[in-house]
Amino acid sequence: MFHPKSTPWLEKKFIEPKNLEAVVSSIRKEGQTIATLNGSFDLLHAGHLYMLHQASLQADKLIVLLNSDDSIRRYKNPLRPIVTLQYRLELISALEFVHFVSYFEETDPCSVLERIVPDVHVNGIEYGKDCIEAKTVAKLGARLHLVDRIPSLATSTLIEKIRQCV
């Protein structure tokens, strides 16, 4: 099992996956709404920041769920991630508009969304209203919010630019 090293900003926001329900229960007891956003967030860039900020505007609390390193290798590429889970958790948790961060081992977030039962789930518009999470989000009675993509700031575009520079 993964155990992140503690940094002050990660310590305040990190939720062990086994503790998600307890944290969600606490948020709900305060009468607050929850937005979720998942992804690898490998090579964090301004396009990610835009999406994360838009997600934070959808509810009182934003929980960001990161794919584990093994999950990314299974669904993207055996050579990914470029940035390991430890550092991706640190980067995301350092953002003031992210309230909590956790991770999941599956290749899709549906089972973790069922544990959280968000009010809103946020995704990139490139995945569309029929994204892999759509049926789960609808079953949970949540709203799906799609965020526009900034085309020049996709991770794949940045990787290609880096390849051209070396």
N, C-alpha and C. Protein backbone atom coordinates (compact mmCIF):
# COMPACT_ATOMS: atom_id res chain seq x y z
N MET A 1 0.84 -1.19 0.00
CA MET A 1 0.00 0.00 0.00
C MET A 1 0.88 1.25 0.00
N PHE A 2 0.45 2.26 -0.70
CA PHE A 2 1.17 3.52 -0.82
C PHE A 2 0.98 4.37 0.43
N HIS A 3 2.08 4.91 0.95
CA HIS A 3 2.02 5.84 2.08
C HIS A 3 2.84 7.07 1.72
N PRO A 4 2.18 8.20 1.44
CA PRO A 4 2.93 9.38 1.03
C PRO A 4 3.78 9.94 2.16
N LYS A 5 4.91 10.51 1.77
CA LYS A 5 5.73 11.24 2.74
C LYS A 5 5.01 12.53 3.06
N SER A 6 5.15 12.96 4.27
CA SER A 6 4.38 14.12 4.71
C SER A 6 5.10 15.43 4.40
N THR A 7 4.36 16.35 3.85
CA THR A 7 4.77 17.74 3.72
C THR A 7 3.64 18.54 4.38
N PRO A 8 3.91 19.73 4.85
CA PRO A 8 2.85 20.48 5.56
C PRO A 8 1.57 20.65 4.74
N TRP A 9 1.68 20.93 3.46
CA TRP A 9 0.48 21.16 2.66
C TRP A 9 -0.22 19.85 2.32
N LEU A 10 0.51 18.77 2.14
CA LEU A 10 -0.11 17.47 1.88
C LEU A 10 -0.76 16.93 3.14
N GLU A 11 -0.10 17.12 4.25
CA GLU A 11 -0.61 16.63 5.54
C GLU A 11 -2.01 17.16 5.83
N LYS A 12 -2.28 18.41 5.46
CA LYS A 12 -3.57 19.03 5.75
C LYS A 12 -4.69 18.52 4.84
N LYS A 13 -4.33 18.04 3.65
CA LYS A 13 -5.35 17.74 2.65
C LYS A 13 -5.45 16.29 2.22
N PHE A 14 -4.47 15.48 2.54
CA PHE A 14 -4.45 14.10 2.06
C PHE A 14 -5.45 13.23 2.82
N ILE A 15 -6.22 12.45 2.07
CA ILE A 15 -7.14 11.47 2.65
C ILE A 15 -6.68 10.09 2.20
N GLU A 16 -6.36 9.24 3.17
CA GLU A 16 -6.09 7.84 2.83
C GLU A 16 -7.36 7.29 2.19
N PRO A 17 -7.25 6.52 1.11
CA PRO A 17 -8.46 5.99 0.47
C PRO A 17 -9.42 5.29 1.44
N LYS A 18 -8.90 4.58 2.41
CA LYS A 18 -9.77 3.88 3.37
C LYS A 18 -10.55 4.83 4.27
N ASN A 19 -10.14 6.11 4.32
CA ASN A 19 -10.80 7.09 5.18
C ASN A 19 -11.73 8.05 4.42
N LEU A 20 -11.94 7.81 3.15
CA LEU A 20 -12.77 8.72 2.36
C LEU A 20 -14.17 8.89 2.93
N GLU A 21 -14.83 7.79 3.28
CA GLU A 21 -16.20 7.88 3.77
C GLU A 21 -16.29 8.71 5.05
N ALA A 22 -15.32 8.58 5.94
CA ALA A 22 -15.33 9.34 7.19
C ALA A 22 -15.18 10.84 6.92
N VAL A 23 -14.31 11.21 6.02
CA VAL A 23 -14.12 12.63 5.68
C VAL A 23 -15.37 13.18 5.01
N VAL A 24 -15.94 12.42 4.08
CA VAL A 24 -17.16 12.83 3.39
C VAL A 24 -18.29 13.02 4.40
N SER A 25 -18.40 12.11 5.34
CA SER A 25 -19.43 12.21 6.38
C SER A 25 -19.27 13.50 7.18
N SER A 26 -18.04 13.85 7.50
CA SER A 26 -17.76 15.08 8.24
C SER A 26 -18.16 16.31 7.42
N ILE A 27 -17.85 16.29 6.14
CA ILE A 27 -18.22 17.41 5.25
C ILE A 27 -19.74 17.54 5.19
N ARG A 28 -20.42 16.42 5.05
CA ARG A 28 -21.88 16.42 4.97
C ARG A 28 -22.52 16.91 6.27
N LYS A 29 -21.94 16.55 7.40
CA LYS A 29 -22.47 17.01 8.70
C LYS A 29 -22.39 18.53 8.82
N GLU A 30 -21.43 19.14 8.13
CA GLU A 30 -21.30 20.60 8.12
C GLU A 30 -22.24 21.24 7.10
N GLY A 31 -23.01 20.41 6.39
CA GLY A 31 -23.98 20.92 5.42
C GLY A 31 -23.34 21.40 4.13
N GLN A 32 -22.15 20.92 3.83
CA GLN A 32 -21.44 21.39 2.65
C GLN A 32 -21.56 20.42 1.48
N THR A 33 -21.48 20.97 0.28
CA THR A 33 -21.55 20.17 -0.94
C THR A 33 -20.15 19.75 -1.38
N ILE A 34 -20.11 18.70 -2.20
CA ILE A 34 -18.83 18.12 -2.62
C ILE A 34 -18.78 18.01 -4.14
N ALA A 35 -17.66 18.47 -4.70
CA ALA A 35 -17.34 18.24 -6.11
C ALA A 35 -16.15 17.29 -6.15
N THR A 36 -16.15 16.41 -7.14
CA THR A 36 -15.01 15.52 -7.35
C THR A 36 -14.46 15.74 -8.75
N LEU A 37 -13.17 15.49 -8.86
CA LEU A 37 -12.47 15.55 -10.15
C LEU A 37 -11.39 14.50 -10.06
N ASN A 38 -11.27 13.69 -11.09
CA ASN A 38 -10.24 12.65 -11.08
C ASN A 38 -9.35 12.78 -12.30
N GLY A 39 -8.17 12.18 -12.19
CA GLY A 39 -7.25 12.15 -13.33
C GLY A 39 -5.86 11.80 -12.87
N SER A 40 -4.97 11.72 -13.84
CA SER A 40 -3.58 11.42 -13.50
C SER A 40 -2.83 12.70 -13.12
N PHE A 41 -3.13 13.81 -13.77
CA PHE A 41 -2.46 15.09 -13.54
C PHE A 41 -0.94 14.92 -13.58
N ASP A 42 -0.51 14.16 -14.57
CA ASP A 42 0.91 13.93 -14.82
C ASP A 42 1.42 15.14 -15.61
N LEU A 43 2.53 15.67 -15.23
CA LEU A 43 3.05 16.93 -15.80
C LEU A 43 2.03 18.05 -15.62
N LEU A 44 1.77 18.40 -14.40
CA LEU A 44 0.80 19.45 -14.07
C LEU A 44 1.10 20.71 -14.86
N HIS A 45 0.07 21.26 -15.51
CA HIS A 45 0.24 22.45 -16.35
C HIS A 45 -0.96 23.38 -16.20
N ALA A 46 -0.91 24.52 -16.87
CA ALA A 46 -1.95 25.54 -16.72
C ALA A 46 -3.33 25.06 -17.15
N GLY A 47 -3.41 24.14 -18.09
CA GLY A 47 -4.70 23.56 -18.47
C GLY A 47 -5.31 22.79 -17.30
N HIS A 48 -4.47 22.05 -16.57
CA HIS A 48 -4.94 21.36 -15.37
C HIS A 48 -5.41 22.37 -14.33
N LEU A 49 -4.63 23.43 -14.14
CA LEU A 49 -5.01 24.45 -13.15
C LEU A 49 -6.37 25.04 -13.47
N TYR A 50 -6.61 25.31 -14.75
CA TYR A 50 -7.90 25.85 -15.17
C TYR A 50 -9.03 24.88 -14.80
N MET A 51 -8.83 23.60 -15.13
CA MET A 51 -9.86 22.60 -14.84
C MET A 51 -10.07 22.45 -13.33
N LEU A 52 -9.00 22.40 -12.57
CA LEU A 52 -9.10 22.27 -11.12
C LEU A 52 -9.83 23.47 -10.51
N HIS A 53 -9.52 24.66 -10.98
CA HIS A 53 -10.19 25.85 -10.47
C HIS A 53 -11.67 25.83 -10.81
N GLN A 54 -12.00 25.48 -12.05
CA GLN A 54 -13.41 25.40 -12.44
C GLN A 54 -14.15 24.37 -11.58
N ALA A 55 -13.49 23.26 -11.28
CA ALA A 55 -14.09 22.23 -10.42
C ALA A 55 -14.36 22.78 -9.03
N SER A 56 -13.43 23.59 -8.53
CA SER A 56 -13.58 24.13 -7.17
C SER A 56 -14.77 25.08 -7.05
N LEU A 57 -15.21 25.63 -8.16
CA LEU A 57 -16.33 26.57 -8.16
C LEU A 57 -17.69 25.86 -8.14
N GLN A 58 -17.68 24.54 -8.28
CA GLN A 58 -18.93 23.79 -8.41
C GLN A 58 -19.55 23.35 -7.09
N ALA A 59 -18.81 23.43 -6.00
CA ALA A 59 -19.32 22.97 -4.70
C ALA A 59 -18.51 23.64 -3.59
N ASP A 60 -18.91 23.38 -2.36
CA ASP A 60 -18.19 23.94 -1.22
C ASP A 60 -16.80 23.34 -1.04
N LYS A 61 -16.67 22.05 -1.30
CA LYS A 61 -15.40 21.34 -1.13
C LYS A 61 -15.07 20.57 -2.39
N LEU A 62 -13.81 20.61 -2.79
CA LEU A 62 -13.33 19.87 -3.94
C LEU A 62 -12.41 18.75 -3.47
N ILE A 63 -12.75 17.52 -3.86
CA ILE A 63 -11.91 16.36 -3.61
C ILE A 63 -11.33 15.92 -4.95
N VAL A 64 -10.01 15.95 -5.06
CA VAL A 64 -9.33 15.52 -6.28
C VAL A 64 -8.81 14.10 -6.05
N LEU A 65 -9.12 13.24 -7.01
CA LEU A 65 -8.77 11.83 -6.93
C LEU A 65 -7.76 11.51 -8.02
N LEU A 66 -6.57 11.10 -7.62
CA LEU A 66 -5.51 10.82 -8.58
C LEU A 66 -5.42 9.33 -8.88
N ASN A 67 -5.20 8.99 -10.13
CA ASN A 67 -4.89 7.61 -10.49
C ASN A 67 -3.55 7.26 -9.88
N SER A 68 -3.44 6.06 -9.32
CA SER A 68 -2.14 5.59 -8.81
C SER A 68 -1.19 5.40 -9.99
N ASP A 69 0.08 5.25 -9.69
CA ASP A 69 1.07 5.03 -10.75
C ASP A 69 0.74 3.77 -11.54
N ASP A 70 0.40 2.69 -10.84
CA ASP A 70 0.08 1.43 -11.51
C ASP A 70 -1.16 1.58 -12.39
N SER A 71 -2.15 2.31 -11.92
CA SER A 71 -3.36 2.56 -12.69
C SER A 71 -3.02 3.28 -13.99
N ILE A 72 -2.16 4.28 -13.92
CA ILE A 72 -1.76 5.02 -15.12
C ILE A 72 -1.02 4.11 -16.10
N ARG A 73 -0.13 3.28 -15.59
CA ARG A 73 0.59 2.34 -16.46
C ARG A 73 -0.39 1.42 -17.19
N ARG A 74 -1.44 0.99 -16.50
CA ARG A 74 -2.40 0.08 -17.11
C ARG A 74 -3.27 0.77 -18.16
N TYR A 75 -3.67 2.02 -17.94
CA TYR A 75 -4.61 2.61 -18.89
C TYR A 75 -3.98 3.60 -19.88
N LYS A 76 -2.77 4.07 -19.61
CA LYS A 76 -2.14 5.02 -20.54
C LYS A 76 -0.97 4.42 -21.28
N ASN A 77 0.05 4.03 -20.50
CA ASN A 77 1.31 3.65 -21.12
C ASN A 77 2.20 3.04 -20.05
N PRO A 78 2.89 1.95 -20.34
CA PRO A 78 3.77 1.34 -19.34
C PRO A 78 4.92 2.25 -18.89
N LEU A 79 5.22 3.29 -19.68
CA LEU A 79 6.31 4.21 -19.33
C LEU A 79 5.84 5.40 -18.50
N ARG A 80 4.56 5.50 -18.27
CA ARG A 80 4.01 6.61 -17.49
C ARG A 80 3.69 6.11 -16.09
N PRO A 81 3.52 6.93 -15.11
CA PRO A 81 3.56 8.39 -15.19
C PRO A 81 4.98 8.91 -15.26
N ILE A 82 5.08 10.14 -15.68
CA ILE A 82 6.37 10.83 -15.69
C ILE A 82 6.66 11.32 -14.27
N VAL A 83 5.64 11.80 -13.60
CA VAL A 83 5.75 12.28 -12.21
C VAL A 83 5.04 11.25 -11.32
N THR A 84 5.72 10.75 -10.31
CA THR A 84 5.14 9.70 -9.46
C THR A 84 4.01 10.25 -8.58
N LEU A 85 3.21 9.32 -8.06
CA LEU A 85 2.06 9.68 -7.24
C LEU A 85 2.44 10.59 -6.08
N GLN A 86 3.52 10.30 -5.40
CA GLN A 86 3.95 11.13 -4.27
C GLN A 86 4.00 12.61 -4.66
N TYR A 87 4.66 12.90 -5.76
CA TYR A 87 4.84 14.30 -6.16
C TYR A 87 3.57 14.88 -6.78
N ARG A 88 2.77 14.05 -7.44
CA ARG A 88 1.49 14.56 -7.97
C ARG A 88 0.56 14.92 -6.82
N LEU A 89 0.54 14.12 -5.76
CA LEU A 89 -0.25 14.46 -4.57
C LEU A 89 0.22 15.77 -3.95
N GLU A 90 1.54 15.94 -3.86
CA GLU A 90 2.09 17.18 -3.29
C GLU A 90 1.71 18.39 -4.14
N LEU A 91 1.83 18.26 -5.45
CA LEU A 91 1.51 19.38 -6.34
C LEU A 91 0.04 19.78 -6.23
N ILE A 92 -0.85 18.80 -6.32
CA ILE A 92 -2.29 19.10 -6.27
C ILE A 92 -2.68 19.66 -4.90
N SER A 93 -2.13 19.09 -3.83
CA SER A 93 -2.51 19.56 -2.49
C SER A 93 -1.97 20.96 -2.19
N ALA A 94 -0.98 21.41 -2.93
CA ALA A 94 -0.44 22.76 -2.71
C ALA A 94 -1.36 23.85 -3.25
N LEU A 95 -2.34 23.48 -4.05
CA LEU A 95 -3.26 24.46 -4.63
C LEU A 95 -4.31 24.87 -3.61
N GLU A 96 -4.46 26.18 -3.40
CA GLU A 96 -5.36 26.66 -2.35
C GLU A 96 -6.82 26.30 -2.62
N PHE A 97 -7.23 26.14 -3.87
CA PHE A 97 -8.63 25.86 -4.15
C PHE A 97 -8.95 24.37 -4.16
N VAL A 98 -7.98 23.52 -3.88
CA VAL A 98 -8.22 22.09 -3.69
C VAL A 98 -8.31 21.85 -2.18
N HIS A 99 -9.42 21.26 -1.76
CA HIS A 99 -9.63 21.04 -0.32
C HIS A 99 -9.06 19.72 0.16
N PHE A 100 -9.20 18.67 -0.66
CA PHE A 100 -8.72 17.34 -0.29
C PHE A 100 -8.17 16.62 -1.51
N VAL A 101 -7.25 15.71 -1.27
CA VAL A 101 -6.69 14.90 -2.35
C VAL A 101 -6.53 13.47 -1.87
N SER A 102 -6.84 12.53 -2.76
CA SER A 102 -6.68 11.11 -2.47
C SER A 102 -6.29 10.42 -3.77
N TYR A 103 -6.26 9.11 -3.76
CA TYR A 103 -5.91 8.38 -4.97
C TYR A 103 -6.72 7.09 -5.03
N PHE A 104 -6.70 6.47 -6.21
CA PHE A 104 -7.40 5.20 -6.39
C PHE A 104 -6.57 4.30 -7.29
N GLU A 105 -6.72 3.00 -7.11
CA GLU A 105 -5.92 2.00 -7.82
C GLU A 105 -6.56 1.53 -9.13
N GLU A 106 -7.87 1.70 -9.26
CA GLU A 106 -8.57 1.23 -10.44
C GLU A 106 -8.21 2.07 -11.67
N THR A 107 -8.55 1.60 -12.86
CA THR A 107 -8.29 2.39 -14.06
C THR A 107 -9.39 3.42 -14.31
N ASP A 108 -10.55 3.24 -13.68
CA ASP A 108 -11.58 4.28 -13.74
C ASP A 108 -12.06 4.57 -12.32
N PRO A 109 -12.64 5.75 -12.11
CA PRO A 109 -12.98 6.19 -10.74
C PRO A 109 -14.37 5.82 -10.26
N CYS A 110 -15.11 5.01 -11.00
CA CYS A 110 -16.52 4.79 -10.66
C CYS A 110 -16.72 4.23 -9.25
N SER A 111 -15.92 3.28 -8.84
CA SER A 111 -16.14 2.71 -7.51
C SER A 111 -15.82 3.72 -6.40
N VAL A 112 -14.81 4.55 -6.60
CA VAL A 112 -14.49 5.56 -5.59
C VAL A 112 -15.57 6.65 -5.57
N LEU A 113 -16.15 6.96 -6.72
CA LEU A 113 -17.25 7.94 -6.74
C LEU A 113 -18.46 7.40 -5.99
N GLU A 114 -18.71 6.10 -6.09
CA GLU A 114 -19.82 5.50 -5.35
C GLU A 114 -19.60 5.59 -3.84
N ARG A 115 -18.36 5.61 -3.41
CA ARG A 115 -18.05 5.74 -1.98
C ARG A 115 -18.21 7.18 -1.51
N ILE A 116 -17.94 8.13 -2.38
CA ILE A 116 -18.01 9.56 -2.02
C ILE A 116 -19.42 10.12 -2.19
N VAL A 117 -20.10 9.73 -3.26
CA VAL A 117 -21.42 10.26 -3.65
C VAL A 117 -21.35 11.79 -3.72
N PRO A 118 -20.61 12.30 -4.71
CA PRO A 118 -20.48 13.75 -4.83
C PRO A 118 -21.79 14.41 -5.27
N ASP A 119 -21.88 15.70 -5.06
CA ASP A 119 -23.00 16.47 -5.60
C ASP A 119 -22.76 16.78 -7.07
N VAL A 120 -21.49 16.98 -7.39
CA VAL A 120 -21.08 17.30 -8.75
C VAL A 120 -19.79 16.53 -9.06
N HIS A 121 -19.74 15.95 -10.25
CA HIS A 121 -18.48 15.36 -10.71
C HIS A 121 -18.05 16.16 -11.93
N VAL A 122 -16.79 16.55 -11.96
CA VAL A 122 -16.26 17.40 -13.01
C VAL A 122 -15.36 16.57 -13.92
N ASN A 123 -15.46 16.87 -15.22
CA ASN A 123 -14.64 16.17 -16.20
C ASN A 123 -14.33 17.14 -17.33
N GLY A 124 -13.35 16.80 -18.14
CA GLY A 124 -13.03 17.61 -19.30
C GLY A 124 -14.04 17.39 -20.40
N ILE A 125 -14.33 18.43 -21.15
CA ILE A 125 -15.32 18.34 -22.21
C ILE A 125 -14.91 17.34 -23.29
N GLU A 126 -13.61 17.09 -23.42
CA GLU A 126 -13.15 16.15 -24.44
C GLU A 126 -13.65 14.73 -24.17
N TYR A 127 -14.03 14.43 -22.93
CA TYR A 127 -14.58 13.11 -22.60
C TYR A 127 -16.09 13.07 -22.83
N GLY A 128 -16.73 14.22 -22.89
CA GLY A 128 -18.14 14.32 -23.25
C GLY A 128 -19.12 13.88 -22.18
N LYS A 129 -20.40 14.11 -22.50
CA LYS A 129 -21.47 13.78 -21.55
C LYS A 129 -21.64 12.27 -21.38
N ASP A 130 -21.05 11.49 -22.26
CA ASP A 130 -21.10 10.03 -22.15
C ASP A 130 -19.78 9.46 -21.65
N CYS A 131 -19.06 10.23 -20.85
CA CYS A 131 -17.78 9.79 -20.30
C CYS A 131 -17.97 8.55 -19.43
N ILE A 132 -16.89 7.89 -19.12
CA ILE A 132 -16.94 6.64 -18.36
C ILE A 132 -17.65 6.79 -17.01
N GLU A 133 -17.61 7.98 -16.43
CA GLU A 133 -18.23 8.23 -15.13
C GLU A 133 -19.72 8.57 -15.22
N ALA A 134 -20.23 8.87 -16.42
CA ALA A 134 -21.58 9.43 -16.58
C ALA A 134 -22.68 8.58 -15.96
N LYS A 135 -22.66 7.28 -16.20
CA LYS A 135 -23.74 6.42 -15.66
C LYS A 135 -23.68 6.38 -14.14
N THR A 136 -22.49 6.31 -13.58
CA THR A 136 -22.34 6.29 -12.12
C THR A 136 -22.81 7.61 -11.53
N VAL A 137 -22.41 8.71 -12.14
CA VAL A 137 -22.81 10.05 -11.66
C VAL A 137 -24.34 10.17 -11.68
N ALA A 138 -24.97 9.73 -12.76
CA ALA A 138 -26.43 9.80 -12.86
C ALA A 138 -27.09 8.90 -11.81
N LYS A 139 -26.55 7.69 -11.62
CA LYS A 139 -27.10 6.75 -10.64
C LYS A 139 -27.03 7.34 -9.23
N LEU A 140 -25.99 8.12 -8.96
CA LEU A 140 -25.81 8.72 -7.64
C LEU A 140 -26.65 9.98 -7.44
N GLY A 141 -27.30 10.44 -8.52
CA GLY A 141 -28.10 11.66 -8.44
C GLY A 141 -27.26 12.91 -8.45
N ALA A 142 -26.03 12.80 -8.93
CA ALA A 142 -25.11 13.94 -8.99
C ALA A 142 -25.22 14.61 -10.36
N ARG A 143 -24.63 15.77 -10.45
CA ARG A 143 -24.58 16.52 -11.70
C ARG A 143 -23.20 16.34 -12.32
N LEU A 144 -23.15 16.18 -13.63
CA LEU A 144 -21.89 16.12 -14.36
C LEU A 144 -21.61 17.51 -14.92
N HIS A 145 -20.45 18.06 -14.59
CA HIS A 145 -20.07 19.38 -15.09
C HIS A 145 -18.84 19.20 -15.98
N LEU A 146 -18.95 19.64 -17.25
CA LEU A 146 -17.86 19.50 -18.21
C LEU A 146 -17.14 20.84 -18.37
N VAL A 147 -15.82 20.78 -18.33
CA VAL A 147 -14.98 21.99 -18.43
C VAL A 147 -14.30 22.00 -19.79
N ASP A 148 -14.32 23.17 -20.44
CA ASP A 148 -13.65 23.32 -21.73
C ASP A 148 -12.16 23.04 -21.61
N ARG A 149 -11.60 22.54 -22.68
CA ARG A 149 -10.18 22.23 -22.73
C ARG A 149 -9.43 23.37 -23.41
N ILE A 150 -8.24 23.63 -22.93
CA ILE A 150 -7.36 24.60 -23.59
C ILE A 150 -6.43 23.76 -24.47
N PRO A 151 -6.70 23.68 -25.79
CA PRO A 151 -6.02 22.72 -26.66
C PRO A 151 -4.49 22.73 -26.61
N SER A 152 -3.90 23.89 -26.55
CA SER A 152 -2.43 23.95 -26.58
C SER A 152 -1.81 23.51 -25.26
N LEU A 153 -2.63 23.24 -24.25
CA LEU A 153 -2.10 22.88 -22.94
C LEU A 153 -2.40 21.45 -22.53
N ALA A 154 -2.64 20.56 -23.48
CA ALA A 154 -2.83 19.15 -23.16
C ALA A 154 -1.47 18.52 -22.85
N THR A 155 -1.45 17.57 -21.94
CA THR A 155 -0.20 16.91 -21.58
C THR A 155 0.45 16.28 -22.81
N SER A 156 -0.35 15.64 -23.67
CA SER A 156 0.21 15.01 -24.88
C SER A 156 0.87 16.05 -25.78
N THR A 157 0.30 17.24 -25.88
CA THR A 157 0.90 18.32 -26.67
C THR A 157 2.22 18.75 -26.06
N LEU A 158 2.26 18.88 -24.75
CA LEU A 158 3.50 19.27 -24.07
C LEU A 158 4.59 18.21 -24.24
N ILE A 159 4.22 16.95 -24.15
CA ILE A 159 5.21 15.87 -24.34
C ILE A 159 5.78 15.93 -25.75
N GLU A 160 4.93 16.17 -26.73
CA GLU A 160 5.41 16.27 -28.11
C GLU A 160 6.35 17.47 -28.29
N LYS A 161 6.04 18.59 -27.67
CA LYS A 161 6.93 19.76 -27.74
C LYS A 161 8.28 19.45 -27.11
N ILE A 162 8.27 18.74 -26.00
CA ILE A 162 9.53 18.37 -25.33
C ILE A 162 10.33 17.45 -26.25
N ARG A 163 9.68 16.49 -26.89
CA ARG A 163 10.39 15.60 -27.82
C ARG A 163 11.07 16.38 -28.93
N GLN A 164 10.42 17.40 -29.42
CA GLN A 164 10.98 18.20 -30.50
C GLN A 164 12.19 19.03 -30.05
N CYS A 165 12.28 19.28 -28.75
CA CYS A 165 13.36 20.10 -28.21
C CYS A 165 14.63 19.30 -27.90
N VAL A 166 14.53 17.99 -27.84
CA VAL A 166 15.71 17.20 -27.47
C VAL A 166 16.31 16.46 -28.65
